[in-house]
Amino acid sequence: MAPDAAPIDDSMPARISPDCPQDVRDVLYHAWAHDVSGLKKLLDVRGKASAQDPTTGETPLHAAIRACGPAETTAATEPHDADDDAAEDGCVEEARETLQELFFSGAIWNDVDANNETPGCVARRLGRKALYDMCVDAGVRAELLFSLMGDYEELSSGSDVGEDDTAEANGNENGDETAAPDAQAEAEDVDMADGGDDDRKFVPPDANEKTVTSDEYLKSDLTYDADKLLDADLNGVMMAWETDIMRRSVEALIPGAEQGKRILNIGFGMGIIDGMFSALKPSRHHIIEAHPGVLAHIAAEQPGSGSGSSKFGPAWEASGPEDGAYKVHAGRWQEVVPKLLGQGEVYDAIYFDTFGEDYAQLKLFFTEYVTGLMDQEGRFSFFNGLGADRRICYDVYTKVVEMHCADAGMDVEWEESDVDMTALREEGKGEWEGVRRRYWTLDKYRLPICTFMG
């Protein structure tokens, strides 16, 4: 909720509208009352676990959580401990049983209401950590299921983060949004069950939000200025406020600022992190960049440090300690990386920050390629914008990345740091002035440091 936004009315009359169809109203009332036995009978109808009030967007999950009200010790930034929930009142245990039944019946963990809150967002705002954790776990299960399905049939990876889900990594090369494709499919199931009445369908606040795909991005004209790199739709491809994150990432990838390391960076953008890598005088520094506009910017290699200049053009490449030591590889990483593997290239530090690609592509990189590209003592990291416009999605992806990295034989250490939100808090203002969408809303950044197990 924005700093100056009006308080949310969590009362039942405010959340279940007079125009709510009776069949949906019945499900919401039973969920609000935590009447599991009565709810089970209603959930026999396909899609009812995710039915929504057409005006407020209230789902049974929202209702079951909201019914508990705020915890007495609600913190502004963190839900309190789960044990406190249970000790405080019996309502939470009843809500847990209700949520369990709803999830078992197919309730969608990240459906948003008219306040743009998922059920987990409501639980966190009310300080109900036990219920919040259940929503996070449901999100992890859903994302792992989508991942398994992707292994068997090639699903499109250009649609959003359905869950804040298949993260289109934040507007920022590695991104986020909120997985809507599957939620949308479930919504269609509800419509079918209800007779297909479009008037009964809730339209989320960001329903018309355009998802950026890699193909569209690579065809888009780009605009550089001193503070940001924007595509033709004014999406923030990279922005200067990320500089502190990049600095921390370099420190984590190359402890002690040791010189002479072998470095691979995927996604040049504004060249922020490559400038920091270059200052460490690496023995090998390879960059992969696919966008023609960025490649033209790099090739310009004009003096100075303005928006029209680059330090990584032909002269930089020629300055390497040996032929090919410093190199900008033009093309998609999916095409370039196999060639590097074939050439036997190995790196001490690898950083990944692409734009317009979903989590499936990031997962593909660290499960299929990092193991062959990284030295046994090396380190891998990426810009962690996965679900960064919503805390619950950020938490879901934290767990998902840990599981997938473990499958790839890597440990993940998370280094959490503060993000200065002074100029980042309001859409269209401060750092976001002139940027279409605020892809970052969190006051903490989790920096992933991935190393081989053992």
Foldseek 3Di string as FASTA:
>chain_A
DFPPDDDDDLDPPVQADPPFDPLLVQLLVCLLVLVQVVNVVSLVQQLSLAFAAQAWRDGSLLNLLSSVAADPPQDQAFQDDQVSLVVRDVSLVSSVVSVVSSVVSPHDLARATQVRGGSLNSCNRRSNVVSNVVSLVSLLVVLVVVLVVCVVPPDDFQDFCQQLNLFLQFQEFEGGDHGNPVVVVSQVSVCVSVVNDPSRHHQYPCNVPDTFAPVNQLVWDWDFFPFAIATPVQATHDGNLCLVVLVVLVCLQDPPLAAAFAEEEEACGQVSNVVVNVVSHHLAYEYEDERPNVVVQQQQQDDDRTRSHHPQHPVVCVPHPDHNRRYYHYHHCVVVQVVCLVVQAAGQEYEYIGGSGTVSVVLCCLQPRNVSHYDQNHKYWYQQLSSQVDVSRSSSVVVNVQVSLVVSQKHKDWDKDFRPCPQLSDDCGRSNPSHDDRSHHDGMGTIIIIHGDD
